Amino acid sequence: MNKKIEMILEPSPVNVSHDTYRRECKYTRGIHIEEQEFKAILDTMCHDSRLYFDFHNPRKEIIKGTYLNGHSGLARNIYDYYKINYAIELSELINGKDFYVKII
């Protein structure tokens, strides 16, 4: 399978609500992931990683058009998923910089 995924650098910040902190987060980079792929990534997470994901994205549905807050644990889960399943290394994703995820 010929899969392509890459970091997107935004010309202007993308705002994503962070309901836990009750504020908007501004991201200048992100990654767009298909709905079924992202659900598969969630399924690979250990319990603690899933709790942390839910903390940063409470009550957010995983459906097309949803924007999610990224964090280092999620970056590692995404990186590992694409490396294992597609031999794609997204090194720029795991550099500690903030990012968003858009479900497509």
PDB file of N, CA and C in Angstrom:
ATOM      1  N   MET A   1       0.841  -1.179   0.000  1.00  0.00           N
ATOM      2  CA  MET A   1       0.000   0.000   0.000  1.00  0.00           C
ATOM      3  C   MET A   1       0.884   1.240   0.000  1.00  0.00           C
ATOM      4  N   ASN A   2       0.526   2.190  -0.823  1.00  0.00           N
ATOM      5  CA  ASN A   2       1.300   3.412  -0.949  1.00  0.00           C
ATOM      6  C   ASN A   2       0.629   4.518  -0.133  1.00  0.00           C
ATOM      7  N   LYS A   3       1.021   4.659   1.094  1.00  0.00           N
ATOM      8  CA  LYS A   3       0.418   5.617   2.030  1.00  0.00           C
ATOM      9  C   LYS A   3       1.294   6.858   2.102  1.00  0.00           C
ATOM     10  N   LYS A   4       0.641   8.035   2.139  1.00  0.00           N
ATOM     11  CA  LYS A   4       1.392   9.280   2.281  1.00  0.00           C
ATOM     12  C   LYS A   4       0.807  10.064   3.444  1.00  0.00           C
ATOM     13  N   ILE A   5       1.663  10.490   4.337  1.00  0.00           N
ATOM     14  CA  ILE A   5       1.248  11.333   5.458  1.00  0.00           C
ATOM     15  C   ILE A   5       2.413  12.252   5.791  1.00  0.00           C
ATOM     16  N   GLU A   6       2.111  13.495   6.116  1.00  0.00           N
ATOM     17  CA  GLU A   6       3.179  14.448   6.399  1.00  0.00           C
ATOM     18  C   GLU A   6       2.685  15.557   7.312  1.00  0.00           C
ATOM     19  N   MET A   7       3.629  16.227   7.940  1.00  0.00           N
ATOM     20  CA  MET A   7       3.309  17.401   8.755  1.00  0.00           C
ATOM     21  C   MET A   7       2.919  18.537   7.818  1.00  0.00           C
ATOM     22  N   ILE A   8       1.948  19.312   8.253  1.00  0.00           N
ATOM     23  CA  ILE A   8       1.495  20.469   7.495  1.00  0.00           C
ATOM     24  C   ILE A   8       1.883  21.715   8.283  1.00  0.00           C
ATOM     25  N   LEU A   9       2.605  22.611   7.632  1.00  0.00           N
ATOM     26  CA  LEU A   9       2.968  23.889   8.245  1.00  0.00           C
ATOM     27  C   LEU A   9       1.948  24.925   7.796  1.00  0.00           C
ATOM     28  N   GLU A  10       1.254  25.509   8.745  1.00  0.00           N
ATOM     29  CA  GLU A  10       0.169  26.443   8.453  1.00  0.00           C
ATOM     30  C   GLU A  10       0.702  27.867   8.277  1.00  0.00           C
ATOM     31  N   PRO A  11       0.185  28.607   7.292  1.00  0.00           N
ATOM     32  CA  PRO A  11       0.606  29.999   7.111  1.00  0.00           C
ATOM     33  C   PRO A  11       0.101  30.907   8.238  1.00  0.00           C
ATOM     34  N   SER A  12      -1.023  30.535   8.846  1.00  0.00           N
ATOM     35  CA  SER A  12      -1.530  31.260  10.020  1.00  0.00           C
ATOM     36  C   SER A  12      -2.031  30.227  11.027  1.00  0.00           C
ATOM     37  N   PRO A  13      -2.021  30.561  12.313  1.00  0.00           N
ATOM     38  CA  PRO A  13      -2.355  29.576  13.345  1.00  0.00           C
ATOM     39  C   PRO A  13      -3.766  28.988  13.213  1.00  0.00           C
ATOM     40  N   VAL A  14      -3.860  27.712  13.561  1.00  0.00           N
ATOM     41  CA  VAL A  14      -5.134  26.999  13.631  1.00  0.00           C
ATOM     42  C   VAL A  14      -5.522  26.947  15.102  1.00  0.00           C
ATOM     43  N   ASN A  15      -6.740  27.395  15.423  1.00  0.00           N
ATOM     44  CA  ASN A  15      -7.227  27.374  16.804  1.00  0.00           C
ATOM     45  C   ASN A  15      -7.977  26.076  17.073  1.00  0.00           C
ATOM     46  N   VAL A  16      -7.624  25.428  18.181  1.00  0.00           N
ATOM     47  CA  VAL A  16      -8.299  24.203  18.608  1.00  0.00           C
ATOM     48  C   VAL A  16      -8.698  24.395  20.063  1.00  0.00           C
ATOM     49  N   SER A  17      -9.971  24.166  20.362  1.00  0.00           N
ATOM     50  CA  SER A  17     -10.420  24.345  21.747  1.00  0.00           C
ATOM     51  C   SER A  17      -9.825  23.266  22.649  1.00  0.00           C
ATOM     52  N   HIS A  18      -9.448  23.685  23.832  1.00  0.00           N
ATOM     53  CA  HIS A  18      -8.950  22.758  24.858  1.00  0.00           C
ATOM     54  C   HIS A  18      -9.906  22.904  26.032  1.00  0.00           C
ATOM     55  N   ASP A  19     -10.916  22.040  26.066  1.00  0.00           N
ATOM     56  CA  ASP A  19     -11.989  22.181  27.044  1.00  0.00           C
ATOM     57  C   ASP A  19     -11.521  21.965  28.475  1.00  0.00           C
ATOM     58  N   THR A  20     -10.495  21.160  28.685  1.00  0.00           N
ATOM     59  CA  THR A  20      -9.981  20.944  30.038  1.00  0.00           C
ATOM     60  C   THR A  20      -9.413  22.243  30.602  1.00  0.00           C
ATOM     61  N   TYR A  21      -8.641  22.950  29.795  1.00  0.00           N
ATOM     62  CA  TYR A  21      -8.040  24.210  30.229  1.00  0.00           C
ATOM     63  C   TYR A  21      -8.948  25.411  29.961  1.00  0.00           C
ATOM     64  N   ARG A  22     -10.068  25.182  29.289  1.00  0.00           N
ATOM     65  CA  ARG A  22     -11.022  26.230  28.920  1.00  0.00           C
ATOM     66  C   ARG A  22     -10.349  27.382  28.172  1.00  0.00           C
ATOM     67  N   ARG A  23      -9.647  27.015  27.127  1.00  0.00           N
ATOM     68  CA  ARG A  23      -8.992  28.027  26.303  1.00  0.00           C
ATOM     69  C   ARG A  23      -8.789  27.478  24.900  1.00  0.00           C
ATOM     70  N   GLU A  24      -8.376  28.347  24.018  1.00  0.00           N
ATOM     71  CA  GLU A  24      -8.044  27.961  22.652  1.00  0.00           C
ATOM     72  C   GLU A  24      -6.537  27.782  22.549  1.00  0.00           C
ATOM     73  N   CYS A  25      -6.131  26.716  21.891  1.00  0.00           N
ATOM     74  CA  CYS A  25      -4.707  26.506  21.615  1.00  0.00           C
ATOM     75  C   CYS A  25      -4.463  26.864  20.157  1.00  0.00           C
ATOM     76  N   LYS A  26      -3.358  27.548  19.894  1.00  0.00           N
ATOM     77  CA  LYS A  26      -3.005  27.946  18.533  1.00  0.00           C
ATOM     78  C   LYS A  26      -1.841  27.088  18.058  1.00  0.00           C
ATOM     79  N   TYR A  27      -2.030  26.466  16.903  1.00  0.00           N
ATOM     80  CA  TYR A  27      -1.006  25.589  16.341  1.00  0.00           C
ATOM     81  C   TYR A  27      -0.604  26.078  14.956  1.00  0.00           C
ATOM     82  N   THR A  28       0.676  26.038  14.677  1.00  0.00           N
ATOM     83  CA  THR A  28       1.156  26.403  13.346  1.00  0.00           C
ATOM     84  C   THR A  28       1.573  25.179  12.545  1.00  0.00           C
ATOM     85  N   ARG A  29       1.384  24.006  13.130  1.00  0.00           N
ATOM     86  CA  ARG A  29       1.669  22.779  12.391  1.00  0.00           C
ATOM     87  C   ARG A  29       0.699  21.697  12.833  1.00  0.00           C
ATOM     88  N   GLY A  30       0.439  20.802  11.914  1.00  0.00           N
ATOM     89  CA  GLY A  30      -0.506  19.741  12.228  1.00  0.00           C
ATOM     90  C   GLY A  30      -0.351  18.565  11.292  1.00  0.00           C
ATOM     91  N   ILE A  31      -1.210  17.593  11.507  1.00  0.00           N
ATOM     92  CA  ILE A  31      -1.196  16.389  10.698  1.00  0.00           C
ATOM     93  C   ILE A  31      -2.644  15.996  10.441  1.00  0.00           C
ATOM     94  N   HIS A  32      -2.944  15.611   9.210  1.00  0.00           N
ATOM     95  CA  HIS A  32      -4.292  15.195   8.838  1.00  0.00           C
ATOM     96  C   HIS A  32      -4.296  13.674   8.718  1.00  0.00           C
ATOM     97  N   ILE A  33      -5.212  13.040   9.440  1.00  0.00           N
ATOM     98  CA  ILE A  33      -5.267  11.578   9.495  1.00  0.00           C
ATOM     99  C   ILE A  33      -6.694  11.130   9.215  1.00  0.00           C
ATOM    100  N   GLU A  34      -6.825  10.094   8.397  1.00  0.00           N
ATOM    101  CA  GLU A  34      -8.141   9.545   8.088  1.00  0.00           C
ATOM    102  C   GLU A  34      -8.797   8.996   9.350  1.00  0.00           C
ATOM    103  N   GLU A  35     -10.117   9.113   9.395  1.00  0.00           N
ATOM    104  CA  GLU A  35     -10.890   8.714  10.574  1.00  0.00           C
ATOM    105  C   GLU A  35     -10.589   7.276  11.015  1.00  0.00           C
ATOM    106  N   GLN A  36     -10.636   6.333  10.096  1.00  0.00           N
ATOM    107  CA  GLN A  36     -10.407   4.930  10.466  1.00  0.00           C
ATOM    108  C   GLN A  36      -8.970   4.699  10.933  1.00  0.00           C
ATOM    109  N   GLU A  37      -8.029   5.396  10.326  1.00  0.00           N
ATOM    110  CA  GLU A  37      -6.630   5.276  10.744  1.00  0.00           C
ATOM    111  C   GLU A  37      -6.461   5.789  12.170  1.00  0.00           C
ATOM    112  N   PHE A  38      -7.097   6.931  12.467  1.00  0.00           N
ATOM    113  CA  PHE A  38      -6.935   7.485  13.806  1.00  0.00           C
ATOM    114  C   PHE A  38      -7.583   6.585  14.849  1.00  0.00           C
ATOM    115  N   LYS A  39      -8.713   5.998  14.514  1.00  0.00           N
ATOM    116  CA  LYS A  39      -9.347   5.049  15.434  1.00  0.00           C
ATOM    117  C   LYS A  39      -8.432   3.852  15.672  1.00  0.00           C
ATOM    118  N   ALA A  40      -7.731   3.414  14.639  1.00  0.00           N
ATOM    119  CA  ALA A  40      -6.774   2.313  14.793  1.00  0.00           C
ATOM    120  C   ALA A  40      -5.619   2.736  15.702  1.00  0.00           C
ATOM    121  N   ILE A  41      -5.165   3.975  15.578  1.00  0.00           N
ATOM    122  CA  ILE A  41      -4.101   4.488  16.455  1.00  0.00           C
ATOM    123  C   ILE A  41      -4.583   4.496  17.899  1.00  0.00           C
ATOM    124  N   LEU A  42      -5.810   4.964  18.127  1.00  0.00           N
ATOM    125  CA  LEU A  42      -6.362   4.957  19.485  1.00  0.00           C
ATOM    126  C   LEU A  42      -6.409   3.541  20.054  1.00  0.00           C
ATOM    127  N   ASP A  43      -6.738   2.576  19.209  1.00  0.00           N
ATOM    128  CA  ASP A  43      -6.822   1.180  19.657  1.00  0.00           C
ATOM    129  C   ASP A  43      -5.470   0.612  20.071  1.00  0.00           C
ATOM    130  N   THR A  44      -4.375   1.196  19.568  1.00  0.00           N
ATOM    131  CA  THR A  44      -3.039   0.699  19.928  1.00  0.00           C
ATOM    132  C   THR A  44      -2.521   1.301  21.228  1.00  0.00           C
ATOM    133  N   MET A  45      -3.204   2.330  21.737  1.00  0.00           N
ATOM    134  CA  MET A  45      -2.726   3.029  22.940  1.00  0.00           C
ATOM    135  C   MET A  45      -2.910   2.184  24.198  1.00  0.00           C
ATOM    136  N   CYS A  46      -1.937   2.288  25.089  1.00  0.00           N
ATOM    137  CA  CYS A  46      -2.098   1.675  26.406  1.00  0.00           C
ATOM    138  C   CYS A  46      -3.101   2.519  27.198  1.00  0.00           C
ATOM    139  N   HIS A  47      -3.565   1.990  28.300  1.00  0.00           N
ATOM    140  CA  HIS A  47      -4.587   2.649  29.116  1.00  0.00           C
ATOM    141  C   HIS A  47      -4.165   4.062  29.539  1.00  0.00           C
ATOM    142  N   ASP A  48      -2.940   4.209  30.022  1.00  0.00           N
ATOM    143  CA  ASP A  48      -2.470   5.519  30.483  1.00  0.00           C
ATOM    144  C   ASP A  48      -2.399   6.534  29.344  1.00  0.00           C
ATOM    145  N   SER A  49      -1.943   6.094  28.174  1.00  0.00           N
ATOM    146  CA  SER A  49      -1.877   6.995  27.019  1.00  0.00           C
ATOM    147  C   SER A  49      -3.266   7.449  26.604  1.00  0.00           C
ATOM    148  N   ARG A  50      -4.227   6.528  26.654  1.00  0.00           N
ATOM    149  CA  ARG A  50      -5.602   6.877  26.277  1.00  0.00           C
ATOM    150  C   ARG A  50      -6.200   7.867  27.282  1.00  0.00           C
ATOM    151  N   LEU A  51      -5.923   7.686  28.559  1.00  0.00           N
ATOM    152  CA  LEU A  51      -6.406   8.633  29.568  1.00  0.00           C
ATOM    153  C   LEU A  51      -5.847  10.034  29.312  1.00  0.00           C
ATOM    154  N   TYR A  52      -4.557  10.101  28.977  1.00  0.00           N
ATOM    155  CA  TYR A  52      -3.925  11.394  28.725  1.00  0.00           C
ATOM    156  C   TYR A  52      -4.497  12.035  27.456  1.00  0.00           C
ATOM    157  N   PHE A  53      -4.743  11.218  26.429  1.00  0.00           N
ATOM    158  CA  PHE A  53      -5.375  11.722  25.210  1.00  0.00           C
ATOM    159  C   PHE A  53      -6.743  12.313  25.543  1.00  0.00           C
ATOM    160  N   ASP A  54      -7.540  11.577  26.321  1.00  0.00           N
ATOM    161  CA  ASP A  54      -8.881  12.043  26.687  1.00  0.00           C
ATOM    162  C   ASP A  54      -8.829  13.308  27.548  1.00  0.00           C
ATOM    163  N   PHE A  55      -7.795  13.456  28.367  1.00  0.00           N
ATOM    164  CA  PHE A  55      -7.615  14.672  29.171  1.00  0.00           C
ATOM    165  C   PHE A  55      -7.457  15.895  28.262  1.00  0.00           C
ATOM    166  N   HIS A  56      -6.681  15.745  27.200  1.00  0.00           N
ATOM    167  CA  HIS A  56      -6.432  16.861  26.281  1.00  0.00           C
ATOM    168  C   HIS A  56      -7.559  17.069  25.270  1.00  0.00           C
ATOM    169  N   ASN A  57      -8.395  16.048  25.094  1.00  0.00           N
ATOM    170  CA  ASN A  57      -9.469  16.117  24.100  1.00  0.00           C
ATOM    171  C   ASN A  57     -10.775  15.561  24.663  1.00  0.00           C
ATOM    172  N   PRO A  58     -11.259  16.114  25.784  1.00  0.00           N
ATOM    173  CA  PRO A  58     -12.454  15.549  26.419  1.00  0.00           C
ATOM    174  C   PRO A  58     -13.698  15.666  25.537  1.00  0.00           C
ATOM    175  N   ARG A  59     -14.419  14.578  25.462  1.00  0.00           N
ATOM    176  CA  ARG A  59     -15.708  14.516  24.759  1.00  0.00           C
ATOM    177  C   ARG A  59     -15.630  14.863  23.279  1.00  0.00           C
ATOM    178  N   LYS A  60     -14.456  14.835  22.691  1.00  0.00           N
ATOM    179  CA  LYS A  60     -14.356  15.128  21.261  1.00  0.00           C
ATOM    180  C   LYS A  60     -14.612  13.843  20.474  1.00  0.00           C
ATOM    181  N   GLU A  61     -15.515  13.947  19.507  1.00  0.00           N
ATOM    182  CA  GLU A  61     -15.819  12.800  18.667  1.00  0.00           C
ATOM    183  C   GLU A  61     -14.718  12.614  17.629  1.00  0.00           C
ATOM    184  N   ILE A  62     -14.448  11.372  17.318  1.00  0.00           N
ATOM    185  CA  ILE A  62     -13.472  11.067  16.277  1.00  0.00           C
ATOM    186  C   ILE A  62     -14.261  10.885  14.984  1.00  0.00           C
ATOM    187  N   ILE A  63     -14.544  12.017  14.345  1.00  0.00           N
ATOM    188  CA  ILE A  63     -15.272  12.027  13.078  1.00  0.00           C
ATOM    189  C   ILE A  63     -14.604  13.041  12.152  1.00  0.00           C
ATOM    190  N   LYS A  64     -14.892  12.893  10.853  1.00  0.00           N
ATOM    191  CA  LYS A  64     -14.313  13.804   9.867  1.00  0.00           C
ATOM    192  C   LYS A  64     -14.589  15.250  10.242  1.00  0.00           C
ATOM    193  N   GLY A  65     -13.544  16.067  10.149  1.00  0.00           N
ATOM    194  CA  GLY A  65     -13.662  17.488  10.439  1.00  0.00           C
ATOM    195  C   GLY A  65     -13.273  17.882  11.851  1.00  0.00           C
ATOM    196  N   THR A  66     -13.099  16.906  12.743  1.00  0.00           N
ATOM    197  CA  THR A  66     -12.726  17.204  14.125  1.00  0.00           C
ATOM    198  C   THR A  66     -11.252  17.586  14.206  1.00  0.00           C
ATOM    199  N   TYR A  67     -10.968  18.622  14.990  1.00  0.00           N
ATOM    200  CA  TYR A  67      -9.591  19.012  15.290  1.00  0.00           C
ATOM    201  C   TYR A  67      -9.278  18.567  16.713  1.00  0.00           C
ATOM    202  N   LEU A  68      -8.099  17.992  16.911  1.00  0.00           N
ATOM    203  CA  LEU A  68      -7.673  17.484  18.211  1.00  0.00           C
ATOM    204  C   LEU A  68      -6.378  18.155  18.642  1.00  0.00           C
ATOM    205  N   ASN A  69      -6.191  18.255  19.946  1.00  0.00           N
ATOM    206  CA  ASN A  69      -4.941  18.760  20.504  1.00  0.00           C
ATOM    207  C   ASN A  69      -3.913  17.636  20.523  1.00  0.00           C
ATOM    208  N   GLY A  70      -2.748  17.918  19.969  1.00  0.00           N
ATOM    209  CA  GLY A  70      -1.665  16.946  20.005  1.00  0.00           C
ATOM    210  C   GLY A  70      -0.838  17.116  21.265  1.00  0.00           C
ATOM    211  N   HIS A  71      -0.118  16.090  21.607  1.00  0.00           N
ATOM    212  CA  HIS A  71       0.812  16.130  22.746  1.00  0.00           C
ATOM    213  C   HIS A  71       1.880  15.078  22.489  1.00  0.00           C
ATOM    214  N   SER A  72       2.945  15.079  23.277  1.00  0.00           N
ATOM    215  CA  SER A  72       4.095  14.214  22.984  1.00  0.00           C
ATOM    216  C   SER A  72       3.734  12.733  22.985  1.00  0.00           C
ATOM    217  N   GLY A  73       2.862  12.308  23.894  1.00  0.00           N
ATOM    218  CA  GLY A  73       2.466  10.898  23.918  1.00  0.00           C
ATOM    219  C   GLY A  73       1.715  10.510  22.659  1.00  0.00           C
ATOM    220  N   LEU A  74       0.814  11.383  22.213  1.00  0.00           N
ATOM    221  CA  LEU A  74       0.075  11.120  20.981  1.00  0.00           C
ATOM    222  C   LEU A  74       1.020  11.122  19.787  1.00  0.00           C
ATOM    223  N   ALA A  75       1.971  12.038  19.783  1.00  0.00           N
ATOM    224  CA  ALA A  75       2.958  12.082  18.702  1.00  0.00           C
ATOM    225  C   ALA A  75       3.687  10.747  18.598  1.00  0.00           C
ATOM    226  N   ARG A  76       4.078  10.198  19.725  1.00  0.00           N
ATOM    227  CA  ARG A  76       4.785   8.912  19.735  1.00  0.00           C
ATOM    228  C   ARG A  76       3.875   7.789  19.230  1.00  0.00           C
ATOM    229  N   ASN A  77       2.600   7.790  19.640  1.00  0.00           N
ATOM    230  CA  ASN A  77       1.668   6.762  19.166  1.00  0.00           C
ATOM    231  C   ASN A  77       1.476   6.838  17.654  1.00  0.00           C
ATOM    232  N   ILE A  78       1.326   8.042  17.124  1.00  0.00           N
ATOM    233  CA  ILE A  78       1.165   8.222  15.678  1.00  0.00           C
ATOM    234  C   ILE A  78       2.435   7.788  14.956  1.00  0.00           C
ATOM    235  N   TYR A  79       3.578   8.235  15.461  1.00  0.00           N
ATOM    236  CA  TYR A  79       4.868   7.876  14.861  1.00  0.00           C
ATOM    237  C   TYR A  79       5.028   6.358  14.797  1.00  0.00           C
ATOM    238  N   ASP A  80       4.804   5.694  15.927  1.00  0.00           N
ATOM    239  CA  ASP A  80       4.962   4.234  15.982  1.00  0.00           C
ATOM    240  C   ASP A  80       3.993   3.527  15.042  1.00  0.00           C
ATOM    241  N   TYR A  81       2.759   3.991  14.990  1.00  0.00           N
ATOM    242  CA  TYR A  81       1.748   3.365  14.131  1.00  0.00           C
ATOM    243  C   TYR A  81       2.186   3.396  12.666  1.00  0.00           C
ATOM    244  N   TYR A  82       2.600   4.561  12.181  1.00  0.00           N
ATOM    245  CA  TYR A  82       2.983   4.673  10.771  1.00  0.00           C
ATOM    246  C   TYR A  82       4.309   3.976  10.479  1.00  0.00           C
ATOM    247  N   LYS A  83       5.205   3.950  11.435  1.00  0.00           N
ATOM    248  CA  LYS A  83       6.472   3.245  11.229  1.00  0.00           C
ATOM    249  C   LYS A  83       6.241   1.737  11.140  1.00  0.00           C
ATOM    250  N   ILE A  84       5.435   1.201  12.046  1.00  0.00           N
ATOM    251  CA  ILE A  84       5.176  -0.243  12.075  1.00  0.00           C
ATOM    252  C   ILE A  84       4.323  -0.689  10.887  1.00  0.00           C
ATOM    253  N   ASN A  85       3.265   0.045  10.588  1.00  0.00           N
ATOM    254  CA  ASN A  85       2.307  -0.395   9.575  1.00  0.00           C
ATOM    255  C   ASN A  85       2.652  -0.002   8.144  1.00  0.00           C
ATOM    256  N   TYR A  86       3.403   1.085   7.966  1.00  0.00           N
ATOM    257  CA  TYR A  86       3.675   1.576   6.614  1.00  0.00           C
ATOM    258  C   TYR A  86       5.146   1.891   6.352  1.00  0.00           C
ATOM    259  N   ALA A  87       6.010   1.646   7.324  1.00  0.00           N
ATOM    260  CA  ALA A  87       7.444   1.955   7.202  1.00  0.00           C
ATOM    261  C   ALA A  87       7.666   3.439   6.880  1.00  0.00           C
ATOM    262  N   ILE A  88       6.799   4.292   7.434  1.00  0.00           N
ATOM    263  CA  ILE A  88       6.922   5.745   7.276  1.00  0.00           C
ATOM    264  C   ILE A  88       7.408   6.319   8.600  1.00  0.00           C
ATOM    265  N   GLU A  89       8.495   7.079   8.557  1.00  0.00           N
ATOM    266  CA  GLU A  89       9.021   7.713   9.767  1.00  0.00           C
ATOM    267  C   GLU A  89       8.727   9.211   9.724  1.00  0.00           C
ATOM    268  N   LEU A  90       7.935   9.653  10.685  1.00  0.00           N
ATOM    269  CA  LEU A  90       7.572  11.069  10.801  1.00  0.00           C
ATOM    270  C   LEU A  90       8.409  11.715  11.899  1.00  0.00           C
ATOM    271  N   SER A  91       9.701  11.815  11.671  1.00  0.00           N
ATOM    272  CA  SER A  91      10.616  12.328  12.697  1.00  0.00           C
ATOM    273  C   SER A  91      10.251  13.731  13.160  1.00  0.00           C
ATOM    274  N   GLU A  92       9.741  14.564  12.256  1.00  0.00           N
ATOM    275  CA  GLU A  92       9.380  15.932  12.630  1.00  0.00           C
ATOM    276  C   GLU A  92       8.192  15.974  13.589  1.00  0.00           C
ATOM    277  N   LEU A  93       7.460  14.871  13.703  1.00  0.00           N
ATOM    278  CA  LEU A  93       6.325  14.808  14.625  1.00  0.00           C
ATOM    279  C   LEU A  93       6.770  14.632  16.071  1.00  0.00           C
ATOM    280  N   ILE A  94       7.884  13.959  16.279  1.00  0.00           N
ATOM    281  CA  ILE A  94       8.315  13.626  17.645  1.00  0.00           C
ATOM    282  C   ILE A  94       9.453  14.526  18.137  1.00  0.00           C
ATOM    283  N   ASN A  95       9.422  15.784  17.715  1.00  0.00           N
ATOM    284  CA  ASN A  95      10.479  16.722  18.115  1.00  0.00           C
ATOM    285  C   ASN A  95      10.078  17.608  19.298  1.00  0.00           C
ATOM    286  N   GLY A  96       8.948  17.307  19.934  1.00  0.00           N
ATOM    287  CA  GLY A  96       8.532  18.056  21.115  1.00  0.00           C
ATOM    288  C   GLY A  96       7.736  19.318  20.845  1.00  0.00           C
ATOM    289  N   LYS A  97       7.542  19.674  19.583  1.00  0.00           N
ATOM    290  CA  LYS A  97       6.776  20.876  19.250  1.00  0.00           C
ATOM    291  C   LYS A  97       5.281  20.555  19.221  1.00  0.00           C
ATOM    292  N   ASP A  98       4.471  21.545  19.617  1.00  0.00           N
ATOM    293  CA  ASP A  98       3.021  21.369  19.628  1.00  0.00           C
ATOM    294  C   ASP A  98       2.480  21.155  18.214  1.00  0.00           C
ATOM    295  N   PHE A  99       1.350  20.452  18.141  1.00  0.00           N
ATOM    296  CA  PHE A  99       0.711  20.193  16.858  1.00  0.00           C
ATOM    297  C   PHE A  99      -0.766  19.882  17.077  1.00  0.00           C
ATOM    298  N   TYR A 100      -1.526  19.967  15.986  1.00  0.00           N
ATOM    299  CA  TYR A 100      -2.929  19.554  16.025  1.00  0.00           C
ATOM    300  C   TYR A 100      -3.095  18.327  15.140  1.00  0.00           C
ATOM    301  N   VAL A 101      -4.204  17.639  15.311  1.00  0.00           N
ATOM    302  CA  VAL A 101      -4.588  16.544  14.425  1.00  0.00           C
ATOM    303  C   VAL A 101      -5.952  16.904  13.856  1.00  0.00           C
ATOM    304  N   LYS A 102      -6.089  16.814  12.544  1.00  0.00           N
ATOM    305  CA  LYS A 102      -7.400  16.976  11.913  1.00  0.00           C
ATOM    306  C   LYS A 102      -7.822  15.619  11.382  1.00  0.00           C
ATOM    307  N   ILE A 103      -9.048  15.220  11.730  1.00  0.00           N
ATOM    308  CA  ILE A 103      -9.586  13.964  11.230  1.00  0.00           C
ATOM    309  C   ILE A 103     -10.196  14.236   9.857  1.00  0.00           C
ATOM    310  N   ILE A 104      -9.744  13.470   8.860  1.00  0.00           N
ATOM    311  CA  ILE A 104     -10.251  13.655   7.488  1.00  0.00           C
ATOM    312  C   ILE A 104     -10.970  12.405   7.018  1.00  0.00           C
TER     313      ILE A 104
END
